[in-house]
Amino acid sequence: MNDYLKIIEEKVKKNIKLENIAVINNSHKHTRHKFFDKNKYHLCLEIKSKYLSSMSKIDAQRVVMKALKEEFKEKIHALEIKLI
């Protein structure tokens, strides 16, 4: 699992200019949800990026979502993006 979080971190770093990123697995908080799938992740990305901060929130989120587009097909169920 930690390997997968590292893959997410590297993928975002590769596609977006940023100063710092934290990838947090919040899947354990969602185990009682109706559509919970133990094979998919609920992640929170805390990103410090002058590049993303220069955009509107929606545009910044689109950039992040585009970088992780393939991950949503198989591994990510939910993604929270915090620009710090």
PDB file of N, CA and C in Angstrom:
ATOM      1  N   MET A   1       0.817  -1.192   0.000  1.00  0.00           N
ATOM      2  CA  MET A   1       0.000   0.000   0.000  1.00  0.00           C
ATOM      3  C   MET A   1       0.861   1.257   0.000  1.00  0.00           C
ATOM      4  N   ASN A   2       1.856   1.347   0.862  1.00  0.00           N
ATOM      5  CA  ASN A   2       2.718   2.516   0.878  1.00  0.00           C
ATOM      6  C   ASN A   2       3.417   2.701  -0.459  1.00  0.00           C
ATOM      7  N   ASP A   3       3.676   1.604  -1.156  1.00  0.00           N
ATOM      8  CA  ASP A   3       4.274   1.695  -2.486  1.00  0.00           C
ATOM      9  C   ASP A   3       3.327   2.418  -3.439  1.00  0.00           C
ATOM     10  N   TYR A   4       2.042   2.141  -3.318  1.00  0.00           N
ATOM     11  CA  TYR A   4       1.079   2.787  -4.191  1.00  0.00           C
ATOM     12  C   TYR A   4       0.992   4.283  -3.905  1.00  0.00           C
ATOM     13  N   LEU A   5       1.040   4.653  -2.651  1.00  0.00           N
ATOM     14  CA  LEU A   5       1.017   6.068  -2.293  1.00  0.00           C
ATOM     15  C   LEU A   5       2.249   6.769  -2.856  1.00  0.00           C
ATOM     16  N   LYS A   6       3.368   6.091  -2.873  1.00  0.00           N
ATOM     17  CA  LYS A   6       4.597   6.643  -3.446  1.00  0.00           C
ATOM     18  C   LYS A   6       4.446   6.802  -4.959  1.00  0.00           C
ATOM     19  N   ILE A   7       3.780   5.860  -5.599  1.00  0.00           N
ATOM     20  CA  ILE A   7       3.526   5.944  -7.045  1.00  0.00           C
ATOM     21  C   ILE A   7       2.681   7.180  -7.346  1.00  0.00           C
ATOM     22  N   ILE A   8       1.654   7.412  -6.540  1.00  0.00           N
ATOM     23  CA  ILE A   8       0.800   8.591  -6.722  1.00  0.00           C
ATOM     24  C   ILE A   8       1.628   9.856  -6.557  1.00  0.00           C
ATOM     25  N   GLU A   9       2.438   9.899  -5.514  1.00  0.00           N
ATOM     26  CA  GLU A   9       3.285  11.067  -5.261  1.00  0.00           C
ATOM     27  C   GLU A   9       4.200  11.343  -6.445  1.00  0.00           C
ATOM     28  N   GLU A  10       4.860  10.315  -6.949  1.00  0.00           N
ATOM     29  CA  GLU A  10       5.783  10.480  -8.074  1.00  0.00           C
ATOM     30  C   GLU A  10       5.062  10.899  -9.350  1.00  0.00           C
ATOM     31  N   LYS A  11       3.880  10.353  -9.571  1.00  0.00           N
ATOM     32  CA  LYS A  11       3.109  10.703 -10.764  1.00  0.00           C
ATOM     33  C   LYS A  11       2.717  12.178 -10.746  1.00  0.00           C
ATOM     34  N   VAL A  12       2.290  12.664  -9.596  1.00  0.00           N
ATOM     35  CA  VAL A  12       1.916  14.074  -9.476  1.00  0.00           C
ATOM     36  C   VAL A  12       3.153  14.952  -9.639  1.00  0.00           C
ATOM     37  N   LYS A  13       4.254  14.575  -8.988  1.00  0.00           N
ATOM     38  CA  LYS A  13       5.497  15.347  -9.096  1.00  0.00           C
ATOM     39  C   LYS A  13       5.984  15.420 -10.540  1.00  0.00           C
ATOM     40  N   LYS A  14       5.818  14.340 -11.260  1.00  0.00           N
ATOM     41  CA  LYS A  14       6.279  14.275 -12.655  1.00  0.00           C
ATOM     42  C   LYS A  14       5.465  15.197 -13.565  1.00  0.00           C
ATOM     43  N   ASN A  15       4.184  15.367 -13.254  1.00  0.00           N
ATOM     44  CA  ASN A  15       3.277  16.100 -14.136  1.00  0.00           C
ATOM     45  C   ASN A  15       2.959  17.532 -13.712  1.00  0.00           C
ATOM     46  N   ILE A  16       3.295  17.899 -12.477  1.00  0.00           N
ATOM     47  CA  ILE A  16       2.924  19.211 -11.961  1.00  0.00           C
ATOM     48  C   ILE A  16       4.116  19.822 -11.217  1.00  0.00           C
ATOM     49  N   LYS A  17       4.381  21.087 -11.513  1.00  0.00           N
ATOM     50  CA  LYS A  17       5.442  21.783 -10.794  1.00  0.00           C
ATOM     51  C   LYS A  17       4.940  22.107  -9.390  1.00  0.00           C
ATOM     52  N   LEU A  18       5.623  21.578  -8.373  1.00  0.00           N
ATOM     53  CA  LEU A  18       5.196  21.798  -7.005  1.00  0.00           C
ATOM     54  C   LEU A  18       6.395  21.873  -6.064  1.00  0.00           C
ATOM     55  N   GLU A  19       6.158  22.420  -4.895  1.00  0.00           N
ATOM     56  CA  GLU A  19       7.199  22.535  -3.893  1.00  0.00           C
ATOM     57  C   GLU A  19       7.154  21.363  -2.909  1.00  0.00           C
ATOM     58  N   ASN A  20       5.934  20.907  -2.584  1.00  0.00           N
ATOM     59  CA  ASN A  20       5.790  19.834  -1.609  1.00  0.00           C
ATOM     60  C   ASN A  20       4.455  19.120  -1.820  1.00  0.00           C
ATOM     61  N   ILE A  21       4.444  17.827  -1.471  1.00  0.00           N
ATOM     62  CA  ILE A  21       3.199  17.056  -1.563  1.00  0.00           C
ATOM     63  C   ILE A  21       3.153  16.023  -0.448  1.00  0.00           C
ATOM     64  N   ALA A  22       1.962  15.832   0.109  1.00  0.00           N
ATOM     65  CA  ALA A  22       1.712  14.760   1.070  1.00  0.00           C
ATOM     66  C   ALA A  22       0.526  13.958   0.538  1.00  0.00           C
ATOM     67  N   VAL A  23       0.689  12.651   0.468  1.00  0.00           N
ATOM     68  CA  VAL A  23      -0.380  11.756   0.019  1.00  0.00           C
ATOM     69  C   VAL A  23      -0.863  10.998   1.251  1.00  0.00           C
ATOM     70  N   ILE A  24      -2.127  11.190   1.589  1.00  0.00           N
ATOM     71  CA  ILE A  24      -2.690  10.605   2.810  1.00  0.00           C
ATOM     72  C   ILE A  24      -3.794   9.624   2.435  1.00  0.00           C
ATOM     73  N   ASN A  25      -3.698   8.415   2.959  1.00  0.00           N
ATOM     74  CA  ASN A  25      -4.703   7.390   2.703  1.00  0.00           C
ATOM     75  C   ASN A  25      -5.794   7.499   3.765  1.00  0.00           C
ATOM     76  N   ASN A  26      -6.988   7.906   3.361  1.00  0.00           N
ATOM     77  CA  ASN A  26      -8.123   8.028   4.275  1.00  0.00           C
ATOM     78  C   ASN A  26      -9.136   6.901   4.084  1.00  0.00           C
ATOM     79  N   SER A  27      -8.743   5.829   3.459  1.00  0.00           N
ATOM     80  CA  SER A  27      -9.673   4.735   3.165  1.00  0.00           C
ATOM     81  C   SER A  27     -10.323   4.174   4.423  1.00  0.00           C
ATOM     82  N   HIS A  28      -9.579   4.103   5.508  1.00  0.00           N
ATOM     83  CA  HIS A  28     -10.114   3.542   6.755  1.00  0.00           C
ATOM     84  C   HIS A  28     -11.304   4.335   7.291  1.00  0.00           C
ATOM     85  N   LYS A  29     -11.444   5.579   6.897  1.00  0.00           N
ATOM     86  CA  LYS A  29     -12.556   6.412   7.355  1.00  0.00           C
ATOM     87  C   LYS A  29     -13.849   6.116   6.601  1.00  0.00           C
ATOM     88  N   HIS A  30     -13.770   5.296   5.563  1.00  0.00           N
ATOM     89  CA  HIS A  30     -14.920   5.082   4.682  1.00  0.00           C
ATOM     90  C   HIS A  30     -15.394   3.625   4.639  1.00  0.00           C
ATOM     91  N   THR A  31     -14.924   2.806   5.541  1.00  0.00           N
ATOM     92  CA  THR A  31     -15.248   1.373   5.496  1.00  0.00           C
ATOM     93  C   THR A  31     -16.741   1.074   5.645  1.00  0.00           C
ATOM     94  N   ARG A  32     -17.485   1.964   6.254  1.00  0.00           N
ATOM     95  CA  ARG A  32     -18.925   1.724   6.448  1.00  0.00           C
ATOM     96  C   ARG A  32     -19.784   2.332   5.348  1.00  0.00           C
ATOM     97  N   HIS A  33     -19.165   2.972   4.380  1.00  0.00           N
ATOM     98  CA  HIS A  33     -19.937   3.559   3.283  1.00  0.00           C
ATOM     99  C   HIS A  33     -20.525   2.477   2.393  1.00  0.00           C
ATOM    100  N   LYS A  34     -21.661   2.771   1.838  1.00  0.00           N
ATOM    101  CA  LYS A  34     -22.408   1.809   1.026  1.00  0.00           C
ATOM    102  C   LYS A  34     -21.579   1.219  -0.112  1.00  0.00           C
ATOM    103  N   PHE A  35     -20.827   2.049  -0.815  1.00  0.00           N
ATOM    104  CA  PHE A  35     -20.076   1.570  -1.983  1.00  0.00           C
ATOM    105  C   PHE A  35     -18.598   1.384  -1.693  1.00  0.00           C
ATOM    106  N   PHE A  36     -18.233   1.159  -0.423  1.00  0.00           N
ATOM    107  CA  PHE A  36     -16.826   0.967  -0.068  1.00  0.00           C
ATOM    108  C   PHE A  36     -16.270  -0.268  -0.774  1.00  0.00           C
ATOM    109  N   ASP A  37     -15.086  -0.126  -1.322  1.00  0.00           N
ATOM    110  CA  ASP A  37     -14.385  -1.214  -1.998  1.00  0.00           C
ATOM    111  C   ASP A  37     -12.966  -1.250  -1.439  1.00  0.00           C
ATOM    112  N   LYS A  38     -12.609  -2.342  -0.776  1.00  0.00           N
ATOM    113  CA  LYS A  38     -11.295  -2.429  -0.135  1.00  0.00           C
ATOM    114  C   LYS A  38     -10.151  -2.359  -1.146  1.00  0.00           C
ATOM    115  N   ASN A  39     -10.445  -2.520  -2.422  1.00  0.00           N
ATOM    116  CA  ASN A  39      -9.417  -2.475  -3.460  1.00  0.00           C
ATOM    117  C   ASN A  39      -9.221  -1.082  -4.057  1.00  0.00           C
ATOM    118  N   LYS A  40     -10.015  -0.119  -3.588  1.00  0.00           N
ATOM    119  CA  LYS A  40      -9.898   1.258  -4.075  1.00  0.00           C
ATOM    120  C   LYS A  40      -9.595   2.187  -2.911  1.00  0.00           C
ATOM    121  N   TYR A  41      -8.907   3.261  -3.222  1.00  0.00           N
ATOM    122  CA  TYR A  41      -8.429   4.186  -2.198  1.00  0.00           C
ATOM    123  C   TYR A  41      -9.257   5.464  -2.117  1.00  0.00           C
ATOM    124  N   HIS A  42      -9.354   5.986  -0.906  1.00  0.00           N
ATOM    125  CA  HIS A  42      -9.850   7.331  -0.638  1.00  0.00           C
ATOM    126  C   HIS A  42      -8.606   8.117  -0.228  1.00  0.00           C
ATOM    127  N   LEU A  43      -8.152   9.011  -1.081  1.00  0.00           N
ATOM    128  CA  LEU A  43      -6.902   9.713  -0.830  1.00  0.00           C
ATOM    129  C   LEU A  43      -7.118  11.206  -0.624  1.00  0.00           C
ATOM    130  N   CYS A  44      -6.197  11.791   0.118  1.00  0.00           N
ATOM    131  CA  CYS A  44      -6.140  13.235   0.287  1.00  0.00           C
ATOM    132  C   CYS A  44      -4.745  13.671  -0.158  1.00  0.00           C
ATOM    133  N   LEU A  45      -4.698  14.635  -1.053  1.00  0.00           N
ATOM    134  CA  LEU A  45      -3.423  15.203  -1.490  1.00  0.00           C
ATOM    135  C   LEU A  45      -3.314  16.601  -0.911  1.00  0.00           C
ATOM    136  N   GLU A  46      -2.259  16.837  -0.165  1.00  0.00           N
ATOM    137  CA  GLU A  46      -1.962  18.179   0.326  1.00  0.00           C
ATOM    138  C   GLU A  46      -0.784  18.678  -0.503  1.00  0.00           C
ATOM    139  N   ILE A  47      -1.037  19.661  -1.340  1.00  0.00           N
ATOM    140  CA  ILE A  47      -0.042  20.110  -2.309  1.00  0.00           C
ATOM    141  C   ILE A  47       0.301  21.576  -2.082  1.00  0.00           C
ATOM    142  N   LYS A  48       1.582  21.840  -1.998  1.00  0.00           N
ATOM    143  CA  LYS A  48       2.067  23.219  -1.980  1.00  0.00           C
ATOM    144  C   LYS A  48       2.690  23.467  -3.342  1.00  0.00           C
ATOM    145  N   SER A  49       2.078  24.378  -4.100  1.00  0.00           N
ATOM    146  CA  SER A  49       2.528  24.635  -5.455  1.00  0.00           C
ATOM    147  C   SER A  49       2.192  26.066  -5.860  1.00  0.00           C
ATOM    148  N   LYS A  50       3.212  26.838  -6.143  1.00  0.00           N
ATOM    149  CA  LYS A  50       2.987  28.196  -6.644  1.00  0.00           C
ATOM    150  C   LYS A  50       2.269  28.134  -7.993  1.00  0.00           C
ATOM    151  N   TYR A  51       2.628  27.137  -8.783  1.00  0.00           N
ATOM    152  CA  TYR A  51       2.011  26.947 -10.104  1.00  0.00           C
ATOM    153  C   TYR A  51       0.498  26.755  -9.965  1.00  0.00           C
ATOM    154  N   LEU A  52       0.072  25.817  -9.127  1.00  0.00           N
ATOM    155  CA  LEU A  52      -1.358  25.552  -8.952  1.00  0.00           C
ATOM    156  C   LEU A  52      -2.064  26.708  -8.255  1.00  0.00           C
ATOM    157  N   SER A  53      -1.374  27.352  -7.336  1.00  0.00           N
ATOM    158  CA  SER A  53      -1.968  28.482  -6.613  1.00  0.00           C
ATOM    159  C   SER A  53      -2.226  29.684  -7.516  1.00  0.00           C
ATOM    160  N   SER A  54      -1.542  29.731  -8.647  1.00  0.00           N
ATOM    161  CA  SER A  54      -1.741  30.834  -9.580  1.00  0.00           C
ATOM    162  C   SER A  54      -3.009  30.661 -10.417  1.00  0.00           C
ATOM    163  N   MET A  55      -3.664  29.514 -10.291  1.00  0.00           N
ATOM    164  CA  MET A  55      -4.876  29.204 -11.059  1.00  0.00           C
ATOM    165  C   MET A  55      -6.109  29.315 -10.162  1.00  0.00           C
ATOM    166  N   SER A  56      -7.265  29.254 -10.795  1.00  0.00           N
ATOM    167  CA  SER A  56      -8.492  29.127 -10.007  1.00  0.00           C
ATOM    168  C   SER A  56      -8.491  27.726  -9.390  1.00  0.00           C
ATOM    169  N   LYS A  57      -9.251  27.552  -8.323  1.00  0.00           N
ATOM    170  CA  LYS A  57      -9.291  26.242  -7.662  1.00  0.00           C
ATOM    171  C   LYS A  57      -9.735  25.143  -8.616  1.00  0.00           C
ATOM    172  N   ILE A  58     -10.751  25.421  -9.403  1.00  0.00           N
ATOM    173  CA  ILE A  58     -11.281  24.403 -10.313  1.00  0.00           C
ATOM    174  C   ILE A  58     -10.260  24.022 -11.378  1.00  0.00           C
ATOM    175  N   ASP A  59      -9.530  24.994 -11.898  1.00  0.00           N
ATOM    176  CA  ASP A  59      -8.498  24.687 -12.897  1.00  0.00           C
ATOM    177  C   ASP A  59      -7.358  23.893 -12.280  1.00  0.00           C
ATOM    178  N   ALA A  60      -6.972  24.239 -11.050  1.00  0.00           N
ATOM    179  CA  ALA A  60      -5.911  23.502 -10.361  1.00  0.00           C
ATOM    180  C   ALA A  60      -6.344  22.057 -10.125  1.00  0.00           C
ATOM    181  N   GLN A  61      -7.592  21.864  -9.723  1.00  0.00           N
ATOM    182  CA  GLN A  61      -8.093  20.512  -9.497  1.00  0.00           C
ATOM    183  C   GLN A  61      -8.139  19.723 -10.803  1.00  0.00           C
ATOM    184  N   ARG A  62      -8.480  20.374 -11.879  1.00  0.00           N
ATOM    185  CA  ARG A  62      -8.498  19.693 -13.185  1.00  0.00           C
ATOM    186  C   ARG A  62      -7.109  19.214 -13.573  1.00  0.00           C
ATOM    187  N   VAL A  63      -6.098  20.025 -13.298  1.00  0.00           N
ATOM    188  CA  VAL A  63      -4.712  19.644 -13.613  1.00  0.00           C
ATOM    189  C   VAL A  63      -4.323  18.396 -12.822  1.00  0.00           C
ATOM    190  N   VAL A  64      -4.657  18.370 -11.536  1.00  0.00           N
ATOM    191  CA  VAL A  64      -4.332  17.217 -10.688  1.00  0.00           C
ATOM    192  C   VAL A  64      -5.111  15.987 -11.149  1.00  0.00           C
ATOM    193  N   MET A  65      -6.386  16.157 -11.411  1.00  0.00           N
ATOM    194  CA  MET A  65      -7.217  15.028 -11.848  1.00  0.00           C
ATOM    195  C   MET A  65      -6.716  14.453 -13.171  1.00  0.00           C
ATOM    196  N   LYS A  66      -6.284  15.322 -14.076  1.00  0.00           N
ATOM    197  CA  LYS A  66      -5.751  14.864 -15.358  1.00  0.00           C
ATOM    198  C   LYS A  66      -4.490  14.035 -15.148  1.00  0.00           C
ATOM    199  N   ALA A  67      -3.642  14.452 -14.221  1.00  0.00           N
ATOM    200  CA  ALA A  67      -2.401  13.717 -13.947  1.00  0.00           C
ATOM    201  C   ALA A  67      -2.694  12.317 -13.402  1.00  0.00           C
ATOM    202  N   LEU A  68      -3.828  12.153 -12.736  1.00  0.00           N
ATOM    203  CA  LEU A  68      -4.175  10.864 -12.120  1.00  0.00           C
ATOM    204  C   LEU A  68      -5.324  10.147 -12.835  1.00  0.00           C
ATOM    205  N   LYS A  69      -5.619  10.571 -14.044  1.00  0.00           N
ATOM    206  CA  LYS A  69      -6.748  10.040 -14.807  1.00  0.00           C
ATOM    207  C   LYS A  69      -6.781   8.504 -14.844  1.00  0.00           C
ATOM    208  N   GLU A  70      -5.672   7.886 -15.138  1.00  0.00           N
ATOM    209  CA  GLU A  70      -5.620   6.424 -15.240  1.00  0.00           C
ATOM    210  C   GLU A  70      -5.857   5.744 -13.892  1.00  0.00           C
ATOM    211  N   GLU A  71      -5.436   6.378 -12.823  1.00  0.00           N
ATOM    212  CA  GLU A  71      -5.579   5.799 -11.488  1.00  0.00           C
ATOM    213  C   GLU A  71      -7.046   5.686 -11.073  1.00  0.00           C
ATOM    214  N   PHE A  72      -7.888   6.580 -11.573  1.00  0.00           N
ATOM    215  CA  PHE A  72      -9.307   6.541 -11.229  1.00  0.00           C
ATOM    216  C   PHE A  72     -10.007   5.339 -11.847  1.00  0.00           C
ATOM    217  N   LYS A  73      -9.464   4.800 -12.891  1.00  0.00           N
ATOM    218  CA  LYS A  73     -10.091   3.651 -13.550  1.00  0.00           C
ATOM    219  C   LYS A  73     -10.017   2.394 -12.701  1.00  0.00           C
ATOM    220  N   GLU A  74      -8.954   2.261 -11.883  1.00  0.00           N
ATOM    221  CA  GLU A  74      -8.753   1.008 -11.160  1.00  0.00           C
ATOM    222  C   GLU A  74      -8.539   1.151  -9.654  1.00  0.00           C
ATOM    223  N   LYS A  75      -7.840   2.203  -9.218  1.00  0.00           N
ATOM    224  CA  LYS A  75      -7.366   2.225  -7.837  1.00  0.00           C
ATOM    225  C   LYS A  75      -7.916   3.327  -6.941  1.00  0.00           C
ATOM    226  N   ILE A  76      -8.339   4.451  -7.497  1.00  0.00           N
ATOM    227  CA  ILE A  76      -8.803   5.559  -6.658  1.00  0.00           C
ATOM    228  C   ILE A  76     -10.316   5.693  -6.762  1.00  0.00           C
ATOM    229  N   HIS A  77     -10.967   5.683  -5.612  1.00  0.00           N
ATOM    230  CA  HIS A  77     -12.418   5.900  -5.571  1.00  0.00           C
ATOM    231  C   HIS A  77     -12.734   7.368  -5.314  1.00  0.00           C
ATOM    232  N   ALA A  78     -11.984   7.983  -4.389  1.00  0.00           N
ATOM    233  CA  ALA A  78     -12.242   9.371  -4.040  1.00  0.00           C
ATOM    234  C   ALA A  78     -10.927  10.102  -3.818  1.00  0.00           C
ATOM    235  N   LEU A  79     -10.925  11.388  -4.177  1.00  0.00           N
ATOM    236  CA  LEU A  79      -9.718  12.187  -4.036  1.00  0.00           C
ATOM    237  C   LEU A  79     -10.068  13.572  -3.495  1.00  0.00           C
ATOM    238  N   GLU A  80      -9.439  13.924  -2.399  1.00  0.00           N
ATOM    239  CA  GLU A  80      -9.576  15.252  -1.825  1.00  0.00           C
ATOM    240  C   GLU A  80      -8.273  15.994  -2.132  1.00  0.00           C
ATOM    241  N   ILE A  81      -8.389  17.189  -2.659  1.00  0.00           N
ATOM    242  CA  ILE A  81      -7.213  17.973  -3.021  1.00  0.00           C
ATOM    243  C   ILE A  81      -7.192  19.238  -2.175  1.00  0.00           C
ATOM    244  N   LYS A  82      -6.115  19.407  -1.416  1.00  0.00           N
ATOM    245  CA  LYS A  82      -5.944  20.599  -0.592  1.00  0.00           C
ATOM    246  C   LYS A  82      -4.716  21.350  -1.106  1.00  0.00           C
ATOM    247  N   LEU A  83      -4.916  22.572  -1.529  1.00  0.00           N
ATOM    248  CA  LEU A  83      -3.802  23.411  -1.931  1.00  0.00           C
ATOM    249  C   LEU A  83      -3.398  24.231  -0.707  1.00  0.00           C
ATOM    250  N   ILE A  84      -2.175  24.031  -0.266  1.00  0.00           N
ATOM    251  CA  ILE A  84      -1.717  24.734   0.942  1.00  0.00           C
ATOM    252  C   ILE A  84      -0.629  25.748   0.627  1.00  0.00           C
TER     253      ILE A  84
END
